Amino acid sequence: MFTGNFQDMGTLIINSSEKAFSVFLNLALMMTFWNGIFEIAIKSNLIHYITIILKKPLCLIFPTLKNNDIALNLIAGNIIANFLGLGSAATPLGIKTMEELNRINDQKNIASRAMIIFILLNASAPTLFPTSIYSLRVLNGGTTSNNLFILMICLSFLSCLIGIILERIFYRIAKDKPL
């Protein structure tokens, strides 16, 4: 528009909207497929068994929650969904988890320690299958070496570990300070 080339602008708008729709459609199909796989895993009780396995480490990460808390089941489901690269399935679980954590929170106007840890885990989300990034690269003609995905997987786990360590450090500092 600033160069005075108005005729190319119309073509560019049409082409970019076609490309955007194509990317949206392909990503929607990919997410539908993986959400279907996740639903099969839920119905086959695979997620239930993985949740049982995750409860012990989750009790260490969330020291304020009890082993039988509903919140631990929701947290485990969210972690599994993020682990599989299914952010669209993890989001509703994350919302339900925060509602449950708020329900058991004594001080409703202040985030509990469990809420803060959950937000850290959800934001740093260790991912084994970065499906969205892989799909976007393929849709845009990117050639990806396996080294890039290994690096992304390692960095997602590292960021999660750093988040947990920092939470522990700041919790100790805040606990030692008088109000």
N, C-alpha and C. Protein backbone atom coordinates (compact mmCIF):
# COMPACT_ATOMS: atom_id res chain seq x y z
N MET A 1 0.83 -1.17 0.00
CA MET A 1 0.00 0.00 0.00
C MET A 1 0.89 1.25 0.00
N PHE A 2 1.96 1.24 0.78
CA PHE A 2 2.84 2.41 0.87
C PHE A 2 3.67 2.59 -0.40
N THR A 3 3.85 1.51 -1.14
CA THR A 3 4.64 1.60 -2.38
C THR A 3 3.78 1.98 -3.57
N GLY A 4 2.46 2.05 -3.38
CA GLY A 4 1.57 2.42 -4.47
C GLY A 4 1.19 1.24 -5.35
N ASN A 5 1.46 0.04 -4.93
CA ASN A 5 1.18 -1.16 -5.70
C ASN A 5 -0.12 -1.79 -5.19
N PHE A 6 -1.26 -1.14 -5.48
CA PHE A 6 -2.55 -1.57 -4.96
C PHE A 6 -3.05 -2.84 -5.61
N GLN A 7 -2.71 -3.10 -6.86
CA GLN A 7 -3.21 -4.28 -7.55
C GLN A 7 -2.66 -5.56 -6.94
N ASP A 8 -1.41 -5.56 -6.52
CA ASP A 8 -0.82 -6.75 -5.90
C ASP A 8 -1.37 -6.98 -4.50
N MET A 9 -1.86 -5.91 -3.88
CA MET A 9 -2.37 -6.02 -2.53
C MET A 9 -3.60 -6.92 -2.47
N GLY A 10 -4.51 -6.80 -3.40
CA GLY A 10 -5.71 -7.64 -3.44
C GLY A 10 -5.35 -9.11 -3.63
N THR A 11 -4.42 -9.39 -4.51
CA THR A 11 -3.98 -10.77 -4.74
C THR A 11 -3.33 -11.33 -3.48
N LEU A 12 -2.53 -10.50 -2.83
CA LEU A 12 -1.86 -10.93 -1.61
C LEU A 12 -2.86 -11.24 -0.50
N ILE A 13 -3.90 -10.43 -0.37
CA ILE A 13 -4.91 -10.67 0.65
C ILE A 13 -5.64 -11.98 0.39
N ILE A 14 -6.02 -12.22 -0.86
CA ILE A 14 -6.72 -13.47 -1.21
C ILE A 14 -5.82 -14.67 -0.95
N ASN A 15 -4.57 -14.61 -1.41
CA ASN A 15 -3.65 -15.74 -1.25
C ASN A 15 -3.34 -16.02 0.23
N SER A 16 -3.17 -14.96 1.01
CA SER A 16 -2.85 -15.18 2.41
C SER A 16 -4.04 -15.76 3.17
N SER A 17 -5.27 -15.37 2.80
CA SER A 17 -6.43 -15.94 3.48
C SER A 17 -6.61 -17.41 3.11
N GLU A 18 -6.32 -17.76 1.85
CA GLU A 18 -6.37 -19.17 1.44
C GLU A 18 -5.33 -19.98 2.20
N LYS A 19 -4.14 -19.45 2.34
CA LYS A 19 -3.06 -20.14 3.08
C LYS A 19 -3.44 -20.29 4.55
N ALA A 20 -4.00 -19.23 5.15
CA ALA A 20 -4.40 -19.29 6.56
C ALA A 20 -5.47 -20.35 6.77
N PHE A 21 -6.45 -20.42 5.88
CA PHE A 21 -7.50 -21.43 6.00
C PHE A 21 -6.93 -22.83 5.85
N SER A 22 -6.01 -23.01 4.92
CA SER A 22 -5.38 -24.31 4.71
C SER A 22 -4.62 -24.76 5.95
N VAL A 23 -3.85 -23.85 6.54
CA VAL A 23 -3.10 -24.18 7.76
C VAL A 23 -4.08 -24.52 8.89
N PHE A 24 -5.13 -23.70 9.05
CA PHE A 24 -6.13 -23.95 10.09
C PHE A 24 -6.77 -25.32 9.91
N LEU A 25 -7.18 -25.65 8.70
CA LEU A 25 -7.85 -26.91 8.43
C LEU A 25 -6.93 -28.09 8.73
N ASN A 26 -5.69 -28.01 8.29
CA ASN A 26 -4.75 -29.10 8.54
C ASN A 26 -4.44 -29.26 10.02
N LEU A 27 -4.27 -28.14 10.73
CA LEU A 27 -4.03 -28.23 12.17
C LEU A 27 -5.26 -28.77 12.91
N ALA A 28 -6.44 -28.36 12.47
CA ALA A 28 -7.66 -28.85 13.11
C ALA A 28 -7.80 -30.36 12.91
N LEU A 29 -7.47 -30.84 11.73
CA LEU A 29 -7.53 -32.28 11.48
C LEU A 29 -6.51 -33.03 12.33
N MET A 30 -5.31 -32.47 12.44
CA MET A 30 -4.27 -33.11 13.26
C MET A 30 -4.69 -33.14 14.72
N MET A 31 -5.25 -32.04 15.23
CA MET A 31 -5.67 -31.99 16.62
C MET A 31 -6.85 -32.93 16.85
N THR A 32 -7.74 -33.04 15.90
CA THR A 32 -8.86 -33.96 16.02
C THR A 32 -8.35 -35.40 16.11
N PHE A 33 -7.39 -35.73 15.28
CA PHE A 33 -6.80 -37.08 15.30
C PHE A 33 -6.19 -37.39 16.66
N TRP A 34 -5.33 -36.49 17.16
CA TRP A 34 -4.66 -36.75 18.44
C TRP A 34 -5.61 -36.70 19.61
N ASN A 35 -6.63 -35.84 19.56
CA ASN A 35 -7.63 -35.84 20.62
C ASN A 35 -8.43 -37.14 20.60
N GLY A 36 -8.65 -37.68 19.41
CA GLY A 36 -9.30 -38.99 19.29
C GLY A 36 -8.45 -40.09 19.91
N ILE A 37 -7.15 -40.05 19.66
CA ILE A 37 -6.24 -41.02 20.27
C ILE A 37 -6.28 -40.88 21.79
N PHE A 38 -6.30 -39.63 22.27
CA PHE A 38 -6.36 -39.38 23.71
C PHE A 38 -7.66 -39.92 24.29
N GLU A 39 -8.76 -39.74 23.58
CA GLU A 39 -10.07 -40.24 24.03
C GLU A 39 -10.06 -41.77 24.10
N ILE A 40 -9.43 -42.42 23.12
CA ILE A 40 -9.30 -43.88 23.15
C ILE A 40 -8.48 -44.30 24.37
N ALA A 41 -7.41 -43.55 24.66
CA ALA A 41 -6.58 -43.86 25.83
C ALA A 41 -7.38 -43.70 27.12
N ILE A 42 -8.28 -42.72 27.17
CA ILE A 42 -9.12 -42.53 28.35
C ILE A 42 -10.09 -43.70 28.50
N LYS A 43 -10.77 -44.05 27.41
CA LYS A 43 -11.80 -45.10 27.46
C LYS A 43 -11.19 -46.48 27.71
N SER A 44 -9.94 -46.67 27.30
CA SER A 44 -9.29 -47.97 27.53
C SER A 44 -8.63 -48.04 28.91
N ASN A 45 -8.80 -47.00 29.71
CA ASN A 45 -8.23 -46.88 31.06
C ASN A 45 -6.72 -46.72 31.08
N LEU A 46 -6.11 -46.49 29.95
CA LEU A 46 -4.67 -46.26 29.91
C LEU A 46 -4.31 -45.00 30.70
N ILE A 47 -5.09 -43.95 30.54
CA ILE A 47 -4.84 -42.70 31.27
C ILE A 47 -5.00 -42.94 32.77
N HIS A 48 -5.96 -43.75 33.16
CA HIS A 48 -6.17 -44.08 34.58
C HIS A 48 -4.93 -44.76 35.15
N TYR A 49 -4.38 -45.72 34.43
CA TYR A 49 -3.19 -46.43 34.91
C TYR A 49 -1.97 -45.52 34.96
N ILE A 50 -1.84 -44.65 33.97
CA ILE A 50 -0.72 -43.70 33.98
C ILE A 50 -0.89 -42.72 35.14
N THR A 51 -2.13 -42.34 35.43
CA THR A 51 -2.40 -41.44 36.56
C THR A 51 -1.98 -42.09 37.87
N ILE A 52 -2.26 -43.37 38.03
CA ILE A 52 -1.85 -44.09 39.24
C ILE A 52 -0.33 -44.07 39.38
N ILE A 53 0.36 -44.27 38.26
CA ILE A 53 1.83 -44.25 38.27
C ILE A 53 2.35 -42.85 38.61
N LEU A 54 1.67 -41.81 38.10
CA LEU A 54 2.12 -40.43 38.31
C LEU A 54 1.80 -39.88 39.71
N LYS A 55 0.88 -40.52 40.43
CA LYS A 55 0.45 -39.95 41.71
C LYS A 55 1.59 -39.80 42.71
N LYS A 56 2.46 -40.80 42.80
CA LYS A 56 3.54 -40.72 43.78
C LYS A 56 4.49 -39.56 43.47
N PRO A 57 4.99 -39.42 42.23
CA PRO A 57 5.84 -38.24 41.95
C PRO A 57 5.07 -36.92 42.10
N LEU A 58 3.78 -36.92 41.76
CA LEU A 58 2.99 -35.69 41.89
C LEU A 58 2.83 -35.29 43.36
N CYS A 59 2.75 -36.27 44.26
CA CYS A 59 2.66 -35.94 45.68
C CYS A 59 3.95 -35.28 46.16
N LEU A 60 5.08 -35.62 45.55
CA LEU A 60 6.34 -34.97 45.89
C LEU A 60 6.39 -33.55 45.34
N ILE A 61 5.86 -33.37 44.13
CA ILE A 61 5.86 -32.05 43.49
C ILE A 61 4.83 -31.14 44.15
N PHE A 62 3.70 -31.71 44.56
CA PHE A 62 2.61 -30.96 45.20
C PHE A 62 2.49 -31.41 46.66
N PRO A 63 3.38 -30.94 47.53
CA PRO A 63 3.38 -31.42 48.91
C PRO A 63 2.13 -31.05 49.72
N THR A 64 1.37 -30.07 49.27
CA THR A 64 0.19 -29.65 50.03
C THR A 64 -1.05 -30.46 49.66
N LEU A 65 -0.97 -31.31 48.64
CA LEU A 65 -2.13 -32.11 48.24
C LEU A 65 -2.00 -33.52 48.81
N LYS A 66 -3.15 -34.10 49.11
CA LYS A 66 -3.18 -35.48 49.61
C LYS A 66 -3.26 -36.44 48.42
N ASN A 67 -2.83 -37.68 48.64
CA ASN A 67 -2.78 -38.68 47.59
C ASN A 67 -4.14 -38.96 46.96
N ASN A 68 -5.21 -38.78 47.71
CA ASN A 68 -6.54 -39.09 47.17
C ASN A 68 -7.29 -37.87 46.66
N ASP A 69 -6.64 -36.73 46.57
CA ASP A 69 -7.29 -35.52 46.07
C ASP A 69 -7.69 -35.67 44.60
N ILE A 70 -8.87 -35.17 44.28
CA ILE A 70 -9.35 -35.15 42.89
C ILE A 70 -8.41 -34.31 42.05
N ALA A 71 -7.86 -33.28 42.66
CA ALA A 71 -6.96 -32.37 41.94
C ALA A 71 -5.76 -33.12 41.37
N LEU A 72 -5.24 -34.12 42.09
CA LEU A 72 -4.09 -34.89 41.57
C LEU A 72 -4.46 -35.64 40.30
N ASN A 73 -5.67 -36.18 40.24
CA ASN A 73 -6.11 -36.87 39.02
C ASN A 73 -6.20 -35.89 37.85
N LEU A 74 -6.74 -34.70 38.11
CA LEU A 74 -6.85 -33.69 37.06
C LEU A 74 -5.47 -33.20 36.62
N ILE A 75 -4.58 -33.01 37.58
CA ILE A 75 -3.21 -32.58 37.25
C ILE A 75 -2.53 -33.64 36.39
N ALA A 76 -2.69 -34.91 36.77
CA ALA A 76 -2.08 -35.99 36.00
C ALA A 76 -2.63 -36.02 34.57
N GLY A 77 -3.93 -35.85 34.42
CA GLY A 77 -4.52 -35.82 33.07
C GLY A 77 -3.97 -34.66 32.25
N ASN A 78 -3.83 -33.51 32.88
CA ASN A 78 -3.28 -32.34 32.19
C ASN A 78 -1.84 -32.58 31.77
N ILE A 79 -1.06 -33.16 32.66
CA ILE A 79 0.35 -33.44 32.35
C ILE A 79 0.45 -34.45 31.20
N ILE A 80 -0.39 -35.47 31.22
CA ILE A 80 -0.37 -36.47 30.15
C ILE A 80 -0.73 -35.83 28.81
N ALA A 81 -1.77 -34.99 28.80
CA ALA A 81 -2.17 -34.33 27.57
C ALA A 81 -1.05 -33.43 27.04
N ASN A 82 -0.44 -32.65 27.92
CA ASN A 82 0.68 -31.80 27.50
C ASN A 82 1.87 -32.63 27.05
N PHE A 83 2.11 -33.73 27.73
CA PHE A 83 3.21 -34.63 27.40
C PHE A 83 3.07 -35.16 25.98
N LEU A 84 1.82 -35.40 25.58
CA LEU A 84 1.55 -35.90 24.23
C LEU A 84 1.41 -34.77 23.21
N GLY A 85 1.60 -33.53 23.66
CA GLY A 85 1.51 -32.40 22.74
C GLY A 85 0.09 -31.99 22.41
N LEU A 86 -0.85 -32.32 23.28
CA LEU A 86 -2.26 -32.04 23.04
C LEU A 86 -2.74 -30.87 23.90
N GLY A 87 -2.28 -29.69 23.57
CA GLY A 87 -2.67 -28.50 24.32
C GLY A 87 -4.16 -28.28 24.32
N SER A 88 -4.84 -28.67 23.24
CA SER A 88 -6.29 -28.47 23.16
C SER A 88 -7.02 -29.39 24.14
N ALA A 89 -6.47 -30.54 24.43
CA ALA A 89 -7.08 -31.43 25.43
C ALA A 89 -6.64 -31.03 26.83
N ALA A 90 -5.47 -30.43 26.96
CA ALA A 90 -4.94 -30.04 28.26
C ALA A 90 -5.65 -28.81 28.82
N THR A 91 -6.12 -27.93 27.95
CA THR A 91 -6.74 -26.68 28.40
C THR A 91 -7.98 -26.91 29.27
N PRO A 92 -8.97 -27.71 28.83
CA PRO A 92 -10.13 -27.93 29.71
C PRO A 92 -9.75 -28.60 31.03
N LEU A 93 -8.78 -29.52 30.97
CA LEU A 93 -8.32 -30.17 32.20
C LEU A 93 -7.64 -29.15 33.11
N GLY A 94 -6.91 -28.22 32.52
CA GLY A 94 -6.24 -27.17 33.31
C GLY A 94 -7.25 -26.28 34.01
N ILE A 95 -8.32 -25.94 33.30
CA ILE A 95 -9.36 -25.09 33.90
C ILE A 95 -10.05 -25.83 35.05
N LYS A 96 -10.39 -27.12 34.83
CA LYS A 96 -11.02 -27.91 35.89
C LYS A 96 -10.07 -28.06 37.08
N THR A 97 -8.79 -28.23 36.80
CA THR A 97 -7.80 -28.37 37.86
C THR A 97 -7.74 -27.11 38.71
N MET A 98 -7.68 -25.95 38.06
CA MET A 98 -7.62 -24.70 38.81
C MET A 98 -8.90 -24.49 39.63
N GLU A 99 -10.05 -24.87 39.09
CA GLU A 99 -11.30 -24.77 39.85
C GLU A 99 -11.24 -25.66 41.09
N GLU A 100 -10.72 -26.88 40.92
CA GLU A 100 -10.62 -27.81 42.05
C GLU A 100 -9.60 -27.31 43.08
N LEU A 101 -8.47 -26.82 42.60
CA LEU A 101 -7.46 -26.28 43.52
C LEU A 101 -8.00 -25.06 44.27
N ASN A 102 -8.80 -24.25 43.62
CA ASN A 102 -9.40 -23.09 44.28
C ASN A 102 -10.45 -23.54 45.29
N ARG A 103 -11.16 -24.62 44.97
CA ARG A 103 -12.18 -25.13 45.89
C ARG A 103 -11.55 -25.57 47.21
N ILE A 104 -10.37 -26.19 47.16
CA ILE A 104 -9.72 -26.68 48.38
C ILE A 104 -8.78 -25.64 49.00
N ASN A 105 -8.69 -24.47 48.37
CA ASN A 105 -7.84 -23.39 48.86
C ASN A 105 -8.53 -22.68 50.02
N ASP A 106 -7.80 -22.47 51.12
CA ASP A 106 -8.37 -21.79 52.28
C ASP A 106 -8.53 -20.29 52.05
N GLN A 107 -7.58 -19.69 51.36
CA GLN A 107 -7.62 -18.25 51.08
C GLN A 107 -7.98 -18.05 49.61
N LYS A 108 -9.24 -17.81 49.34
CA LYS A 108 -9.75 -17.75 47.97
C LYS A 108 -9.16 -16.62 47.13
N ASN A 109 -8.73 -15.53 47.79
CA ASN A 109 -8.21 -14.39 47.03
C ASN A 109 -6.70 -14.45 46.81
N ILE A 110 -6.04 -15.53 47.29
CA ILE A 110 -4.60 -15.70 47.10
C ILE A 110 -4.37 -17.08 46.49
N ALA A 111 -3.56 -17.15 45.46
CA ALA A 111 -3.24 -18.44 44.84
C ALA A 111 -2.50 -19.32 45.84
N SER A 112 -2.92 -20.55 45.94
CA SER A 112 -2.26 -21.49 46.84
C SER A 112 -0.95 -21.95 46.22
N ARG A 113 -0.13 -22.59 47.04
CA ARG A 113 1.15 -23.11 46.54
C ARG A 113 0.90 -24.13 45.43
N ALA A 114 -0.11 -24.98 45.60
CA ALA A 114 -0.43 -25.98 44.57
C ALA A 114 -0.83 -25.31 43.26
N MET A 115 -1.57 -24.22 43.34
CA MET A 115 -1.97 -23.49 42.13
C MET A 115 -0.75 -22.94 41.41
N ILE A 116 0.18 -22.38 42.17
CA ILE A 116 1.39 -21.80 41.58
C ILE A 116 2.23 -22.89 40.91
N ILE A 117 2.39 -24.02 41.60
CA ILE A 117 3.16 -25.12 41.02
C ILE A 117 2.48 -25.63 39.75
N PHE A 118 1.15 -25.74 39.78
CA PHE A 118 0.43 -26.22 38.60
C PHE A 118 0.60 -25.27 37.42
N ILE A 119 0.54 -23.98 37.67
CA ILE A 119 0.74 -23.00 36.60
C ILE A 119 2.15 -23.15 36.02
N LEU A 120 3.14 -23.34 36.89
CA LEU A 120 4.51 -23.55 36.42
C LEU A 120 4.61 -24.79 35.54
N LEU A 121 4.02 -25.89 36.02
CA LEU A 121 4.05 -27.13 35.24
C LEU A 121 3.33 -26.98 33.91
N ASN A 122 2.19 -26.32 33.95
CA ASN A 122 1.40 -26.16 32.74
C ASN A 122 2.10 -25.25 31.73
N ALA A 123 2.77 -24.21 32.23
CA ALA A 123 3.46 -23.27 31.34
C ALA A 123 4.72 -23.88 30.75
N SER A 124 5.41 -24.70 31.54
CA SER A 124 6.66 -25.29 31.04
C SER A 124 6.42 -26.65 30.40
N ALA A 125 5.26 -27.22 30.58
CA ALA A 125 4.77 -28.45 29.99
C ALA A 125 5.80 -29.34 29.30
N PRO A 126 6.34 -30.32 30.01
CA PRO A 126 7.24 -31.25 29.34
C PRO A 126 6.50 -31.99 28.23
N THR A 127 7.06 -32.00 27.04
CA THR A 127 6.39 -32.55 25.87
C THR A 127 7.27 -33.58 25.19
N LEU A 128 6.70 -34.75 24.97
CA LEU A 128 7.43 -35.80 24.26
C LEU A 128 7.13 -35.75 22.76
N PHE A 129 5.92 -35.33 22.41
CA PHE A 129 5.53 -35.25 21.00
C PHE A 129 5.08 -33.83 20.67
N PRO A 130 5.97 -32.96 20.22
CA PRO A 130 5.57 -31.59 19.88
C PRO A 130 4.82 -31.55 18.55
N THR A 131 3.59 -32.10 18.57
CA THR A 131 2.83 -32.31 17.34
C THR A 131 2.48 -31.01 16.62
N SER A 132 2.13 -29.97 17.36
CA SER A 132 1.74 -28.71 16.70
C SER A 132 2.91 -28.10 15.94
N ILE A 133 4.07 -28.07 16.58
CA ILE A 133 5.25 -27.49 15.93
C ILE A 133 5.65 -28.33 14.72
N TYR A 134 5.62 -29.63 14.88
CA TYR A 134 5.97 -30.51 13.76
C TYR A 134 5.02 -30.30 12.60
N SER A 135 3.72 -30.24 12.89
CA SER A 135 2.72 -30.06 11.83
C SER A 135 2.89 -28.72 11.12
N LEU A 136 3.12 -27.65 11.87
CA LEU A 136 3.32 -26.34 11.26
C LEU A 136 4.54 -26.34 10.34
N ARG A 137 5.60 -27.00 10.76
CA ARG A 137 6.81 -27.07 9.93
C ARG A 137 6.53 -27.84 8.64
N VAL A 138 5.83 -28.95 8.75
CA VAL A 138 5.52 -29.76 7.56
C VAL A 138 4.61 -28.97 6.61
N LEU A 139 3.58 -28.30 7.17
CA LEU A 139 2.65 -27.54 6.34
C LEU A 139 3.33 -26.41 5.58
N ASN A 140 4.39 -25.87 6.16
CA ASN A 140 5.09 -24.77 5.51
C ASN A 140 6.34 -25.22 4.77
N GLY A 141 6.45 -26.51 4.52
CA GLY A 141 7.55 -27.04 3.72
C GLY A 141 8.88 -27.11 4.44
N GLY A 142 8.86 -27.05 5.75
CA GLY A 142 10.11 -27.11 6.51
C GLY A 142 10.64 -28.53 6.57
N THR A 143 11.93 -28.65 6.44
CA THR A 143 12.56 -29.95 6.62
C THR A 143 13.17 -29.95 8.01
N THR A 144 12.82 -30.93 8.76
CA THR A 144 13.23 -30.96 10.16
C THR A 144 14.08 -32.19 10.42
N SER A 145 15.22 -31.94 11.01
CA SER A 145 16.04 -33.07 11.43
C SER A 145 15.56 -33.55 12.78
N ASN A 146 15.85 -34.77 13.10
CA ASN A 146 15.46 -35.32 14.40
C ASN A 146 16.17 -34.61 15.54
N ASN A 147 17.33 -34.04 15.26
CA ASN A 147 18.07 -33.33 16.31
C ASN A 147 17.27 -32.16 16.87
N LEU A 148 16.52 -31.47 16.02
CA LEU A 148 15.70 -30.35 16.49
C LEU A 148 14.64 -30.84 17.47
N PHE A 149 14.00 -31.96 17.16
CA PHE A 149 12.96 -32.46 18.05
C PHE A 149 13.54 -33.00 19.35
N ILE A 150 14.70 -33.62 19.28
CA ILE A 150 15.36 -34.08 20.50
C ILE A 150 15.69 -32.87 21.38
N LEU A 151 16.17 -31.81 20.75
CA LEU A 151 16.48 -30.59 21.50
C LEU A 151 15.21 -29.99 22.12
N MET A 152 14.11 -29.92 21.36
CA MET A 152 12.85 -29.38 21.90
C MET A 152 12.35 -30.21 23.07
N ILE A 153 12.45 -31.53 22.98
CA ILE A 153 12.00 -32.40 24.06
C ILE A 153 12.87 -32.17 25.30
N CYS A 154 14.19 -32.15 25.11
CA CYS A 154 15.10 -31.94 26.24
C CYS A 154 14.86 -30.58 26.90
N LEU A 155 14.67 -29.54 26.08
CA LEU A 155 14.45 -28.20 26.64
C LEU A 155 13.12 -28.10 27.37
N SER A 156 12.09 -28.80 26.90
CA SER A 156 10.81 -28.75 27.61
C SER A 156 10.93 -29.40 28.98
N PHE A 157 11.67 -30.49 29.08
CA PHE A 157 11.87 -31.13 30.38
C PHE A 157 12.77 -30.27 31.28
N LEU A 158 13.79 -29.67 30.69
CA LEU A 158 14.69 -28.81 31.45
C LEU A 158 13.95 -27.59 32.00
N SER A 159 13.11 -26.97 31.19
CA SER A 159 12.36 -25.80 31.67
C SER A 159 11.42 -26.18 32.80
N CYS A 160 10.83 -27.36 32.73
CA CYS A 160 9.95 -27.83 33.80
C CYS A 160 10.75 -28.04 35.08
N LEU A 161 11.89 -28.67 34.97
CA LEU A 161 12.75 -28.91 36.13
C LEU A 161 13.20 -27.60 36.76
N ILE A 162 13.62 -26.65 35.94
CA ILE A 162 14.04 -25.34 36.44
C ILE A 162 12.87 -24.64 37.14
N GLY A 163 11.68 -24.73 36.58
CA GLY A 163 10.50 -24.12 37.21
C GLY A 163 10.23 -24.71 38.59
N ILE A 164 10.34 -26.03 38.72
CA ILE A 164 10.10 -26.68 40.02
C ILE A 164 11.19 -26.27 41.02
N ILE A 165 12.43 -26.26 40.58
CA ILE A 165 13.54 -25.87 41.47
C ILE A 165 13.36 -24.42 41.93
N LEU A 166 13.02 -23.52 41.01
CA LEU A 166 12.83 -22.12 41.39
C LEU A 166 11.65 -21.95 42.35
N GLU A 167 10.58 -22.73 42.15
CA GLU A 167 9.45 -22.65 43.07
C GLU A 167 9.89 -23.04 44.47
N ARG A 168 10.68 -24.10 44.58
CA ARG A 168 11.17 -24.55 45.88
C ARG A 168 12.05 -23.47 46.54
N ILE A 169 12.93 -22.87 45.76
CA ILE A 169 13.81 -21.82 46.29
C ILE A 169 13.00 -20.62 46.78
N PHE A 170 12.09 -20.12 45.94
CA PHE A 170 11.30 -18.95 46.32
C PHE A 170 10.34 -19.27 47.47
N TYR A 171 9.85 -20.50 47.53
CA TYR A 171 8.98 -20.89 48.65
C TYR A 171 9.75 -20.83 49.96
N ARG A 172 10.96 -21.37 49.95
CA ARG A 172 11.80 -21.34 51.17
C ARG A 172 12.13 -19.91 51.58
N ILE A 173 12.46 -19.08 50.59
CA ILE A 173 12.78 -17.68 50.90
C ILE A 173 11.56 -16.98 51.49
N ALA A 174 10.39 -17.17 50.88
CA ALA A 174 9.16 -16.52 51.36
C ALA A 174 8.75 -17.05 52.73
N LYS A 175 8.98 -18.34 52.97
CA LYS A 175 8.61 -18.96 54.25
C LYS A 175 9.47 -18.42 55.40
N ASP A 176 10.73 -18.13 55.09
CA ASP A 176 11.64 -17.63 56.12
C ASP A 176 11.45 -16.14 56.42
N LYS A 177 10.80 -15.40 55.55
CA LYS A 177 10.59 -13.97 55.76
C LYS A 177 9.37 -13.74 56.67
N PRO A 178 9.50 -12.86 57.63
CA PRO A 178 8.31 -12.52 58.44
C PRO A 178 7.37 -11.64 57.62
N LEU A 179 6.07 -11.79 57.87
CA LEU A 179 5.07 -11.00 57.14
C LEU A 179 5.04 -9.58 57.56
